[in-house]
Amino acid sequence: MAVRSKRLWGPTSVGTTAVVLYTCPAGETALVKGVHAFNPGALGVTVTYTLNGTGNSNTILTTSSSSGNINTDREQWIVLHPGDVLRAVGSAGTTYVTGFGAELEGVAD
């Protein structure tokens, strides 16, 4: 089976209300290898990523950036099973996030 890296989502606008970034397709396992966040605003921002949760419960990753046109890259292996939902919420302003990884077709629990 060939495994190819790809962009799984984004860039997606993340504000102070949680948004769905990615839902793992049926019959597949997804591997999120990295997350890129861009903060164009005047405020420092922390983005909280949750797995199958809507608030800060089930937090699996956070990214923080200072103010004004700052890029933050985070390498983080996250395994998502069919139906898993990855969400994000920011502490202030708007941040744009993009996720990279792979979908493994026919590999599922």
PDB file of N, CA and C in Angstrom:
ATOM      1  N   MET A   1       0.850  -1.173   0.000  1.00  0.00           N
ATOM      2  CA  MET A   1       0.000   0.000   0.000  1.00  0.00           C
ATOM      3  C   MET A   1       0.897   1.237   0.000  1.00  0.00           C
ATOM      4  N   ALA A   2       0.667   2.113  -0.925  1.00  0.00           N
ATOM      5  CA  ALA A   2       1.410   3.375  -0.985  1.00  0.00           C
ATOM      6  C   ALA A   2       0.774   4.374  -0.021  1.00  0.00           C
ATOM      7  N   VAL A   3       1.610   5.081   0.694  1.00  0.00           N
ATOM      8  CA  VAL A   3       1.133   6.125   1.604  1.00  0.00           C
ATOM      9  C   VAL A   3       1.673   7.451   1.100  1.00  0.00           C
ATOM     10  N   ARG A   4       0.783   8.377   0.843  1.00  0.00           N
ATOM     11  CA  ARG A   4       1.192   9.681   0.341  1.00  0.00           C
ATOM     12  C   ARG A   4       0.713  10.771   1.284  1.00  0.00           C
ATOM     13  N   SER A   5       1.614  11.656   1.590  1.00  0.00           N
ATOM     14  CA  SER A   5       1.249  12.797   2.422  1.00  0.00           C
ATOM     15  C   SER A   5       0.405  13.767   1.614  1.00  0.00           C
ATOM     16  N   LYS A   6      -0.488  14.459   2.304  1.00  0.00           N
ATOM     17  CA  LYS A   6      -1.333  15.436   1.637  1.00  0.00           C
ATOM     18  C   LYS A   6      -1.836  16.449   2.649  1.00  0.00           C
ATOM     19  N   ARG A   7      -2.450  17.493   2.151  1.00  0.00           N
ATOM     20  CA  ARG A   7      -3.097  18.457   3.030  1.00  0.00           C
ATOM     21  C   ARG A   7      -4.437  17.853   3.418  1.00  0.00           C
ATOM     22  N   LEU A   8      -4.669  17.709   4.702  1.00  0.00           N
ATOM     23  CA  LEU A   8      -5.925  17.129   5.177  1.00  0.00           C
ATOM     24  C   LEU A   8      -7.026  18.177   5.324  1.00  0.00           C
ATOM     25  N   TRP A   9      -6.650  19.408   5.674  1.00  0.00           N
ATOM     26  CA  TRP A   9      -7.618  20.489   5.751  1.00  0.00           C
ATOM     27  C   TRP A   9      -6.892  21.825   5.617  1.00  0.00           C
ATOM     28  N   GLY A  10      -7.673  22.839   5.323  1.00  0.00           N
ATOM     29  CA  GLY A  10      -7.212  24.204   5.410  1.00  0.00           C
ATOM     30  C   GLY A  10      -6.620  24.797   4.149  1.00  0.00           C
ATOM     31  N   PRO A  11      -6.275  26.051   4.276  1.00  0.00           N
ATOM     32  CA  PRO A  11      -6.342  26.819   5.517  1.00  0.00           C
ATOM     33  C   PRO A  11      -7.790  27.085   5.957  1.00  0.00           C
ATOM     34  N   THR A  12      -8.023  26.889   7.236  1.00  0.00           N
ATOM     35  CA  THR A  12      -9.342  27.055   7.825  1.00  0.00           C
ATOM     36  C   THR A  12      -9.289  28.174   8.861  1.00  0.00           C
ATOM     37  N   SER A  13     -10.262  29.056   8.813  1.00  0.00           N
ATOM     38  CA  SER A  13     -10.348  30.168   9.751  1.00  0.00           C
ATOM     39  C   SER A  13     -10.844  29.677  11.108  1.00  0.00           C
ATOM     40  N   VAL A  14     -10.063  29.936  12.150  1.00  0.00           N
ATOM     41  CA  VAL A  14     -10.430  29.528  13.513  1.00  0.00           C
ATOM     42  C   VAL A  14     -10.560  30.775  14.364  1.00  0.00           C
ATOM     43  N   GLY A  15     -11.737  30.948  14.957  1.00  0.00           N
ATOM     44  CA  GLY A  15     -11.993  32.078  15.844  1.00  0.00           C
ATOM     45  C   GLY A  15     -12.265  31.585  17.251  1.00  0.00           C
ATOM     46  N   THR A  16     -13.085  32.322  17.971  1.00  0.00           N
ATOM     47  CA  THR A  16     -13.364  31.979  19.365  1.00  0.00           C
ATOM     48  C   THR A  16     -14.526  31.003  19.526  1.00  0.00           C
ATOM     49  N   THR A  17     -15.089  30.552  18.419  1.00  0.00           N
ATOM     50  CA  THR A  17     -16.115  29.505  18.428  1.00  0.00           C
ATOM     51  C   THR A  17     -15.507  28.269  17.751  1.00  0.00           C
ATOM     52  N   ALA A  18     -15.670  27.115  18.370  1.00  0.00           N
ATOM     53  CA  ALA A  18     -15.065  25.882  17.844  1.00  0.00           C
ATOM     54  C   ALA A  18     -15.548  25.582  16.429  1.00  0.00           C
ATOM     55  N   VAL A  19     -14.628  25.154  15.573  1.00  0.00           N
ATOM     56  CA  VAL A  19     -14.954  24.748  14.207  1.00  0.00           C
ATOM     57  C   VAL A  19     -14.405  23.349  13.955  1.00  0.00           C
ATOM     58  N   VAL A  20     -15.072  22.617  13.078  1.00  0.00           N
ATOM     59  CA  VAL A  20     -14.595  21.302  12.675  1.00  0.00           C
ATOM     60  C   VAL A  20     -13.504  21.490  11.626  1.00  0.00           C
ATOM     61  N   LEU A  21     -12.348  20.912  11.885  1.00  0.00           N
ATOM     62  CA  LEU A  21     -11.252  20.964  10.927  1.00  0.00           C
ATOM     63  C   LEU A  21     -11.275  19.765   9.994  1.00  0.00           C
ATOM     64  N   TYR A  22     -11.551  18.587  10.569  1.00  0.00           N
ATOM     65  CA  TYR A  22     -11.409  17.362   9.783  1.00  0.00           C
ATOM     66  C   TYR A  22     -12.223  16.254  10.437  1.00  0.00           C
ATOM     67  N   THR A  23     -12.897  15.471   9.608  1.00  0.00           N
ATOM     68  CA  THR A  23     -13.584  14.260  10.060  1.00  0.00           C
ATOM     69  C   THR A  23     -12.975  13.087   9.307  1.00  0.00           C
ATOM     70  N   CYS A  24     -12.500  12.101  10.036  1.00  0.00           N
ATOM     71  CA  CYS A  24     -11.862  10.945   9.409  1.00  0.00           C
ATOM     72  C   CYS A  24     -12.910  10.122   8.656  1.00  0.00           C
ATOM     73  N   PRO A  25     -12.659   9.839   7.376  1.00  0.00           N
ATOM     74  CA  PRO A  25     -13.629   9.095   6.567  1.00  0.00           C
ATOM     75  C   PRO A  25     -13.818   7.651   7.044  1.00  0.00           C
ATOM     76  N   ALA A  26     -14.975   7.096   6.717  1.00  0.00           N
ATOM     77  CA  ALA A  26     -15.256   5.691   7.029  1.00  0.00           C
ATOM     78  C   ALA A  26     -14.258   4.798   6.304  1.00  0.00           C
ATOM     79  N   GLY A  27     -13.832   3.735   6.962  1.00  0.00           N
ATOM     80  CA  GLY A  27     -12.940   2.765   6.342  1.00  0.00           C
ATOM     81  C   GLY A  27     -11.497   3.208   6.240  1.00  0.00           C
ATOM     82  N   GLU A  28     -11.152   4.331   6.875  1.00  0.00           N
ATOM     83  CA  GLU A  28      -9.785   4.825   6.795  1.00  0.00           C
ATOM     84  C   GLU A  28      -9.270   5.198   8.176  1.00  0.00           C
ATOM     85  N   THR A  29      -7.963   5.207   8.301  1.00  0.00           N
ATOM     86  CA  THR A  29      -7.291   5.771   9.451  1.00  0.00           C
ATOM     87  C   THR A  29      -6.482   6.947   8.930  1.00  0.00           C
ATOM     88  N   ALA A  30      -6.555   8.074   9.611  1.00  0.00           N
ATOM     89  CA  ALA A  30      -5.811   9.256   9.177  1.00  0.00           C
ATOM     90  C   ALA A  30      -4.687   9.535  10.161  1.00  0.00           C
ATOM     91  N   LEU A  31      -3.554   9.951   9.620  1.00  0.00           N
ATOM     92  CA  LEU A  31      -2.417  10.348  10.430  1.00  0.00           C
ATOM     93  C   LEU A  31      -2.166  11.823  10.196  1.00  0.00           C
ATOM     94  N   VAL A  32      -2.321  12.620  11.233  1.00  0.00           N
ATOM     95  CA  VAL A  32      -1.998  14.036  11.147  1.00  0.00           C
ATOM     96  C   VAL A  32      -0.542  14.165  11.581  1.00  0.00           C
ATOM     97  N   LYS A  33       0.294  14.634  10.677  1.00  0.00           N
ATOM     98  CA  LYS A  33       1.720  14.733  10.974  1.00  0.00           C
ATOM     99  C   LYS A  33       2.109  16.122  11.448  1.00  0.00           C
ATOM    100  N   GLY A  34       1.440  17.131  10.961  1.00  0.00           N
ATOM    101  CA  GLY A  34       1.809  18.484  11.343  1.00  0.00           C
ATOM    102  C   GLY A  34       0.674  19.458  11.189  1.00  0.00           C
ATOM    103  N   VAL A  35       0.759  20.545  11.951  1.00  0.00           N
ATOM    104  CA  VAL A  35      -0.243  21.604  11.902  1.00  0.00           C
ATOM    105  C   VAL A  35       0.491  22.928  11.724  1.00  0.00           C
ATOM    106  N   HIS A  36       0.011  23.716  10.782  1.00  0.00           N
ATOM    107  CA  HIS A  36       0.567  25.047  10.526  1.00  0.00           C
ATOM    108  C   HIS A  36      -0.497  26.068  10.901  1.00  0.00           C
ATOM    109  N   ALA A  37      -0.129  27.043  11.734  1.00  0.00           N
ATOM    110  CA  ALA A  37      -1.055  28.105  12.124  1.00  0.00           C
ATOM    111  C   ALA A  37      -0.473  29.455  11.730  1.00  0.00           C
ATOM    112  N   PHE A  38      -1.327  30.311  11.185  1.00  0.00           N
ATOM    113  CA  PHE A  38      -0.920  31.663  10.810  1.00  0.00           C
ATOM    114  C   PHE A  38      -1.806  32.658  11.538  1.00  0.00           C
ATOM    115  N   ASN A  39      -1.193  33.530  12.314  1.00  0.00           N
ATOM    116  CA  ASN A  39      -1.913  34.550  13.075  1.00  0.00           C
ATOM    117  C   ASN A  39      -1.635  35.916  12.459  1.00  0.00           C
ATOM    118  N   PRO A  40      -2.617  36.478  11.718  1.00  0.00           N
ATOM    119  CA  PRO A  40      -2.403  37.786  11.096  1.00  0.00           C
ATOM    120  C   PRO A  40      -2.747  38.958  12.011  1.00  0.00           C
ATOM    121  N   GLY A  41      -3.311  38.656  13.186  1.00  0.00           N
ATOM    122  CA  GLY A  41      -3.865  39.719  14.023  1.00  0.00           C
ATOM    123  C   GLY A  41      -2.885  40.407  14.943  1.00  0.00           C
ATOM    124  N   ALA A  42      -3.415  41.371  15.677  1.00  0.00           N
ATOM    125  CA  ALA A  42      -2.621  42.185  16.591  1.00  0.00           C
ATOM    126  C   ALA A  42      -2.503  41.564  17.981  1.00  0.00           C
ATOM    127  N   LEU A  43      -3.227  40.477  18.241  1.00  0.00           N
ATOM    128  CA  LEU A  43      -3.200  39.827  19.545  1.00  0.00           C
ATOM    129  C   LEU A  43      -2.498  38.486  19.463  1.00  0.00           C
ATOM    130  N   GLY A  44      -1.850  38.083  20.547  1.00  0.00           N
ATOM    131  CA  GLY A  44      -1.332  36.725  20.644  1.00  0.00           C
ATOM    132  C   GLY A  44      -2.507  35.764  20.732  1.00  0.00           C
ATOM    133  N   VAL A  45      -2.368  34.586  20.141  1.00  0.00           N
ATOM    134  CA  VAL A  45      -3.475  33.625  20.087  1.00  0.00           C
ATOM    135  C   VAL A  45      -2.988  32.241  20.474  1.00  0.00           C
ATOM    136  N   THR A  46      -3.810  31.543  21.247  1.00  0.00           N
ATOM    137  CA  THR A  46      -3.609  30.125  21.507  1.00  0.00           C
ATOM    138  C   THR A  46      -4.750  29.378  20.844  1.00  0.00           C
ATOM    139  N   VAL A  47      -4.427  28.387  20.036  1.00  0.00           N
ATOM    140  CA  VAL A  47      -5.444  27.548  19.404  1.00  0.00           C
ATOM    141  C   VAL A  47      -5.411  26.196  20.089  1.00  0.00           C
ATOM    142  N   THR A  48      -6.583  25.739  20.521  1.00  0.00           N
ATOM    143  CA  THR A  48      -6.724  24.453  21.190  1.00  0.00           C
ATOM    144  C   THR A  48      -7.423  23.494  20.246  1.00  0.00           C
ATOM    145  N   TYR A  49      -6.822  22.327  20.047  1.00  0.00           N
ATOM    146  CA  TYR A  49      -7.363  21.298  19.160  1.00  0.00           C
ATOM    147  C   TYR A  49      -7.915  20.169  20.029  1.00  0.00           C
ATOM    148  N   THR A  50      -9.144  19.748  19.730  1.00  0.00           N
ATOM    149  CA  THR A  50      -9.766  18.681  20.502  1.00  0.00           C
ATOM    150  C   THR A  50     -10.191  17.536  19.593  1.00  0.00           C
ATOM    151  N   LEU A  51     -10.188  16.360  20.164  1.00  0.00           N
ATOM    152  CA  LEU A  51     -10.610  15.162  19.454  1.00  0.00           C
ATOM    153  C   LEU A  51     -11.941  14.708  20.023  1.00  0.00           C
ATOM    154  N   ASN A  52     -12.971  14.715  19.194  1.00  0.00           N
ATOM    155  CA  ASN A  52     -14.312  14.264  19.577  1.00  0.00           C
ATOM    156  C   ASN A  52     -14.869  15.017  20.774  1.00  0.00           C
ATOM    157  N   GLY A  53     -14.465  16.254  20.955  1.00  0.00           N
ATOM    158  CA  GLY A  53     -14.972  17.082  22.039  1.00  0.00           C
ATOM    159  C   GLY A  53     -15.286  18.461  21.496  1.00  0.00           C
ATOM    160  N   THR A  54     -16.079  19.232  22.227  1.00  0.00           N
ATOM    161  CA  THR A  54     -16.435  20.554  21.739  1.00  0.00           C
ATOM    162  C   THR A  54     -15.791  21.668  22.544  1.00  0.00           C
ATOM    163  N   GLY A  55     -15.371  21.383  23.767  1.00  0.00           N
ATOM    164  CA  GLY A  55     -14.723  22.405  24.589  1.00  0.00           C
ATOM    165  C   GLY A  55     -13.257  22.063  24.736  1.00  0.00           C
ATOM    166  N   ASN A  56     -12.694  22.391  25.893  1.00  0.00           N
ATOM    167  CA  ASN A  56     -11.295  22.076  26.136  1.00  0.00           C
ATOM    168  C   ASN A  56     -11.098  20.662  26.660  1.00  0.00           C
ATOM    169  N   SER A  57     -12.208  19.910  26.805  1.00  0.00           N
ATOM    170  CA  SER A  57     -12.049  18.504  27.159  1.00  0.00           C
ATOM    171  C   SER A  57     -11.525  17.783  25.918  1.00  0.00           C
ATOM    172  N   ASN A  58     -10.781  16.754  26.121  1.00  0.00           N
ATOM    173  CA  ASN A  58     -10.184  15.978  25.030  1.00  0.00           C
ATOM    174  C   ASN A  58      -9.169  16.793  24.227  1.00  0.00           C
ATOM    175  N   THR A  59      -8.492  17.731  24.887  1.00  0.00           N
ATOM    176  CA  THR A  59      -7.458  18.516  24.220  1.00  0.00           C
ATOM    177  C   THR A  59      -6.298  17.600  23.849  1.00  0.00           C
ATOM    178  N   ILE A  60      -5.880  17.671  22.587  1.00  0.00           N
ATOM    179  CA  ILE A  60      -4.763  16.837  22.148  1.00  0.00           C
ATOM    180  C   ILE A  60      -3.575  17.653  21.685  1.00  0.00           C
ATOM    181  N   LEU A  61      -3.776  18.957  21.462  1.00  0.00           N
ATOM    182  CA  LEU A  61      -2.696  19.781  20.943  1.00  0.00           C
ATOM    183  C   LEU A  61      -3.049  21.244  21.142  1.00  0.00           C
ATOM    184  N   THR A  62      -2.058  22.070  21.415  1.00  0.00           N
ATOM    185  CA  THR A  62      -2.265  23.513  21.416  1.00  0.00           C
ATOM    186  C   THR A  62      -1.137  24.171  20.624  1.00  0.00           C
ATOM    187  N   THR A  63      -1.457  25.254  19.966  1.00  0.00           N
ATOM    188  CA  THR A  63      -0.429  26.070  19.319  1.00  0.00           C
ATOM    189  C   THR A  63      -0.601  27.493  19.823  1.00  0.00           C
ATOM    190  N   SER A  64       0.499  28.162  20.061  1.00  0.00           N
ATOM    191  CA  SER A  64       0.462  29.538  20.531  1.00  0.00           C
ATOM    192  C   SER A  64       1.321  30.400  19.629  1.00  0.00           C
ATOM    193  N   SER A  65       0.890  31.636  19.452  1.00  0.00           N
ATOM    194  CA  SER A  65       1.701  32.563  18.664  1.00  0.00           C
ATOM    195  C   SER A  65       1.581  33.951  19.248  1.00  0.00           C
ATOM    196  N   SER A  66       2.609  34.742  19.044  1.00  0.00           N
ATOM    197  CA  SER A  66       2.544  36.138  19.435  1.00  0.00           C
ATOM    198  C   SER A  66       1.815  36.902  18.341  1.00  0.00           C
ATOM    199  N   SER A  67       1.746  38.197  18.469  1.00  0.00           N
ATOM    200  CA  SER A  67       0.916  38.992  17.574  1.00  0.00           C
ATOM    201  C   SER A  67       1.583  39.296  16.239  1.00  0.00           C
ATOM    202  N   GLY A  68       0.718  39.537  15.248  1.00  0.00           N
ATOM    203  CA  GLY A  68       1.130  40.131  13.988  1.00  0.00           C
ATOM    204  C   GLY A  68       1.890  39.281  13.003  1.00  0.00           C
ATOM    205  N   ASN A  69       1.171  38.655  12.085  1.00  0.00           N
ATOM    206  CA  ASN A  69       1.761  37.926  10.958  1.00  0.00           C
ATOM    207  C   ASN A  69       2.786  36.884  11.387  1.00  0.00           C
ATOM    208  N   ILE A  70       2.396  36.056  12.324  1.00  0.00           N
ATOM    209  CA  ILE A  70       3.282  35.023  12.861  1.00  0.00           C
ATOM    210  C   ILE A  70       2.823  33.653  12.372  1.00  0.00           C
ATOM    211  N   ASN A  71       3.767  32.864  11.872  1.00  0.00           N
ATOM    212  CA  ASN A  71       3.516  31.471  11.488  1.00  0.00           C
ATOM    213  C   ASN A  71       4.033  30.558  12.586  1.00  0.00           C
ATOM    214  N   THR A  72       3.267  29.530  12.909  1.00  0.00           N
ATOM    215  CA  THR A  72       3.681  28.544  13.894  1.00  0.00           C
ATOM    216  C   THR A  72       3.521  27.162  13.272  1.00  0.00           C
ATOM    217  N   ASP A  73       4.580  26.383  13.245  1.00  0.00           N
ATOM    218  CA  ASP A  73       4.520  25.012  12.746  1.00  0.00           C
ATOM    219  C   ASP A  73       4.727  24.058  13.909  1.00  0.00           C
ATOM    220  N   ARG A  74       3.919  23.018  13.949  1.00  0.00           N
ATOM    221  CA  ARG A  74       4.007  22.061  15.040  1.00  0.00           C
ATOM    222  C   ARG A  74       3.967  20.668  14.453  1.00  0.00           C
ATOM    223  N   GLU A  75       5.019  19.901  14.676  1.00  0.00           N
ATOM    224  CA  GLU A  75       5.003  18.507  14.250  1.00  0.00           C
ATOM    225  C   GLU A  75       4.404  17.698  15.376  1.00  0.00           C
ATOM    226  N   GLN A  76       3.383  16.939  15.047  1.00  0.00           N
ATOM    227  CA  GLN A  76       2.639  16.199  16.063  1.00  0.00           C
ATOM    228  C   GLN A  76       1.941  15.032  15.391  1.00  0.00           C
ATOM    229  N   TRP A  77       2.243  13.834  15.783  1.00  0.00           N
ATOM    230  CA  TRP A  77       1.554  12.680  15.205  1.00  0.00           C
ATOM    231  C   TRP A  77       0.251  12.449  15.950  1.00  0.00           C
ATOM    232  N   ILE A  78      -0.848  12.533  15.216  1.00  0.00           N
ATOM    233  CA  ILE A  78      -2.175  12.273  15.779  1.00  0.00           C
ATOM    234  C   ILE A  78      -2.830  11.205  14.912  1.00  0.00           C
ATOM    235  N   VAL A  79      -3.299  10.136  15.528  1.00  0.00           N
ATOM    236  CA  VAL A  79      -3.969   9.053  14.801  1.00  0.00           C
ATOM    237  C   VAL A  79      -5.472   9.232  14.963  1.00  0.00           C
ATOM    238  N   LEU A  80      -6.171   9.295  13.829  1.00  0.00           N
ATOM    239  CA  LEU A  80      -7.619   9.443  13.835  1.00  0.00           C
ATOM    240  C   LEU A  80      -8.254   8.198  13.231  1.00  0.00           C
ATOM    241  N   HIS A  81      -9.260   7.691  13.915  1.00  0.00           N
ATOM    242  CA  HIS A  81      -9.981   6.506  13.448  1.00  0.00           C
ATOM    243  C   HIS A  81     -11.257   6.945  12.730  1.00  0.00           C
ATOM    244  N   PRO A  82     -11.893   6.038  11.974  1.00  0.00           N
ATOM    245  CA  PRO A  82     -13.099   6.403  11.229  1.00  0.00           C
ATOM    246  C   PRO A  82     -14.130   7.115  12.120  1.00  0.00           C
ATOM    247  N   GLY A  83     -14.600   8.261  11.661  1.00  0.00           N
ATOM    248  CA  GLY A  83     -15.602   9.021  12.401  1.00  0.00           C
ATOM    249  C   GLY A  83     -15.048   9.990  13.424  1.00  0.00           C
ATOM    250  N   ASP A  84     -13.752   9.919  13.737  1.00  0.00           N
ATOM    251  CA  ASP A  84     -13.164  10.875  14.674  1.00  0.00           C
ATOM    252  C   ASP A  84     -13.257  12.279  14.092  1.00  0.00           C
ATOM    253  N   VAL A  85     -13.549  13.247  14.963  1.00  0.00           N
ATOM    254  CA  VAL A  85     -13.702  14.634  14.532  1.00  0.00           C
ATOM    255  C   VAL A  85     -12.665  15.488  15.262  1.00  0.00           C
ATOM    256  N   LEU A  86     -11.875  16.221  14.487  1.00  0.00           N
ATOM    257  CA  LEU A  86     -10.878  17.130  15.034  1.00  0.00           C
ATOM    258  C   LEU A  86     -11.424  18.550  14.937  1.00  0.00           C
ATOM    259  N   ARG A  87     -11.487  19.243  16.082  1.00  0.00           N
ATOM    260  CA  ARG A  87     -12.005  20.609  16.136  1.00  0.00           C
ATOM    261  C   ARG A  87     -10.930  21.538  16.685  1.00  0.00           C
ATOM    262  N   ALA A  88     -11.122  22.837  16.462  1.00  0.00           N
ATOM    263  CA  ALA A  88     -10.199  23.833  17.003  1.00  0.00           C
ATOM    264  C   ALA A  88     -10.971  25.064  17.429  1.00  0.00           C
ATOM    265  N   VAL A  89     -10.426  25.750  18.437  1.00  0.00           N
ATOM    266  CA  VAL A  89     -10.989  27.016  18.900  1.00  0.00           C
ATOM    267  C   VAL A  89      -9.821  27.910  19.305  1.00  0.00           C
ATOM    268  N   GLY A  90      -9.947  29.206  18.987  1.00  0.00           N
ATOM    269  CA  GLY A  90      -8.896  30.159  19.304  1.00  0.00           C
ATOM    270  C   GLY A  90      -9.242  30.982  20.532  1.00  0.00           C
ATOM    271  N   SER A  91      -8.216  31.555  21.142  1.00  0.00           N
ATOM    272  CA  SER A  91      -8.421  32.369  22.343  1.00  0.00           C
ATOM    273  C   SER A  91      -8.805  33.808  22.017  1.00  0.00           C
ATOM    274  N   ALA A  92      -8.495  34.265  20.809  1.00  0.00           N
ATOM    275  CA  ALA A  92      -8.808  35.644  20.406  1.00  0.00           C
ATOM    276  C   ALA A  92      -8.633  35.770  18.903  1.00  0.00           C
ATOM    277  N   GLY A  93      -9.258  36.773  18.331  1.00  0.00           N
ATOM    278  CA  GLY A  93      -9.046  37.064  16.913  1.00  0.00           C
ATOM    279  C   GLY A  93      -9.306  35.889  16.003  1.00  0.00           C
ATOM    280  N   THR A  94      -8.626  35.885  14.871  1.00  0.00           N
ATOM    281  CA  THR A  94      -8.752  34.814  13.884  1.00  0.00           C
ATOM    282  C   THR A  94      -7.377  34.282  13.533  1.00  0.00           C
ATOM    283  N   THR A  95      -7.255  32.977  13.495  1.00  0.00           N
ATOM    284  CA  THR A  95      -6.034  32.300  13.089  1.00  0.00           C
ATOM    285  C   THR A  95      -6.407  31.338  11.970  1.00  0.00           C
ATOM    286  N   TYR A  96      -5.517  31.136  11.039  1.00  0.00           N
ATOM    287  CA  TYR A  96      -5.763  30.212   9.931  1.00  0.00           C
ATOM    288  C   TYR A  96      -4.892  28.987  10.144  1.00  0.00           C
ATOM    289  N   VAL A  97      -5.518  27.807  10.167  1.00  0.00           N
ATOM    290  CA  VAL A  97      -4.765  26.574  10.418  1.00  0.00           C
ATOM    291  C   VAL A  97      -4.901  25.614   9.243  1.00  0.00           C
ATOM    292  N   THR A  98      -3.823  24.887   8.995  1.00  0.00           N
ATOM    293  CA  THR A  98      -3.760  23.895   7.935  1.00  0.00           C
ATOM    294  C   THR A  98      -3.132  22.643   8.517  1.00  0.00           C
ATOM    295  N   GLY A  99      -3.675  21.477   8.163  1.00  0.00           N
ATOM    296  CA  GLY A  99      -3.132  20.217   8.660  1.00  0.00           C
ATOM    297  C   GLY A  99      -2.626  19.341   7.533  1.00  0.00           C
ATOM    298  N   PHE A 100      -1.521  18.659   7.787  1.00  0.00           N
ATOM    299  CA  PHE A 100      -0.893  17.794   6.803  1.00  0.00           C
ATOM    300  C   PHE A 100      -0.736  16.392   7.377  1.00  0.00           C
ATOM    301  N   GLY A 101      -0.862  15.389   6.527  1.00  0.00           N
ATOM    302  CA  GLY A 101      -0.711  14.015   6.972  1.00  0.00           C
ATOM    303  C   GLY A 101      -1.060  13.043   5.871  1.00  0.00           C
ATOM    304  N   ALA A 102      -1.678  11.921   6.253  1.00  0.00           N
ATOM    305  CA  ALA A 102      -2.023  10.888   5.277  1.00  0.00           C
ATOM    306  C   ALA A 102      -3.303  10.185   5.698  1.00  0.00           C
ATOM    307  N   GLU A 103      -4.047   9.716   4.695  1.00  0.00           N
ATOM    308  CA  GLU A 103      -5.206   8.856   4.934  1.00  0.00           C
ATOM    309  C   GLU A 103      -4.832   7.464   4.467  1.00  0.00           C
ATOM    310  N   LEU A 104      -5.009   6.484   5.333  1.00  0.00           N
ATOM    311  CA  LEU A 104      -4.681   5.101   5.019  1.00  0.00           C
ATOM    312  C   LEU A 104      -5.954   4.363   4.666  1.00  0.00           C
ATOM    313  N   GLU A 105      -6.186   4.166   3.392  1.00  0.00           N
ATOM    314  CA  GLU A 105      -7.401   3.541   2.909  1.00  0.00           C
ATOM    315  C   GLU A 105      -7.408   2.063   3.262  1.00  0.00           C
ATOM    316  N   GLY A 106      -8.529   1.592   3.780  1.00  0.00           N
ATOM    317  CA  GLY A 106      -8.672   0.195   4.132  1.00  0.00           C
ATOM    318  C   GLY A 106      -8.005  -0.184   5.442  1.00  0.00           C
ATOM    319  N   VAL A 107      -7.506   0.804   6.161  1.00  0.00           N
ATOM    320  CA  VAL A 107      -6.897   0.575   7.481  1.00  0.00           C
ATOM    321  C   VAL A 107      -7.785   1.250   8.495  1.00  0.00           C
ATOM    322  N   ALA A 108      -8.598   0.486   9.191  1.00  0.00           N
ATOM    323  CA  ALA A 108      -9.516   1.062  10.156  1.00  0.00           C
ATOM    324  C   ALA A 108      -9.767   0.088  11.284  1.00  0.00           C
ATOM    325  N   ASP A 109     -10.183   0.630  12.427  1.00  0.00           N
ATOM    326  CA  ASP A 109     -10.543  -0.214  13.584  1.00  0.00           C
ATOM    327  C   ASP A 109     -11.970  -0.667  13.472  1.00  0.00           C
TER     328      ASP A 109
END
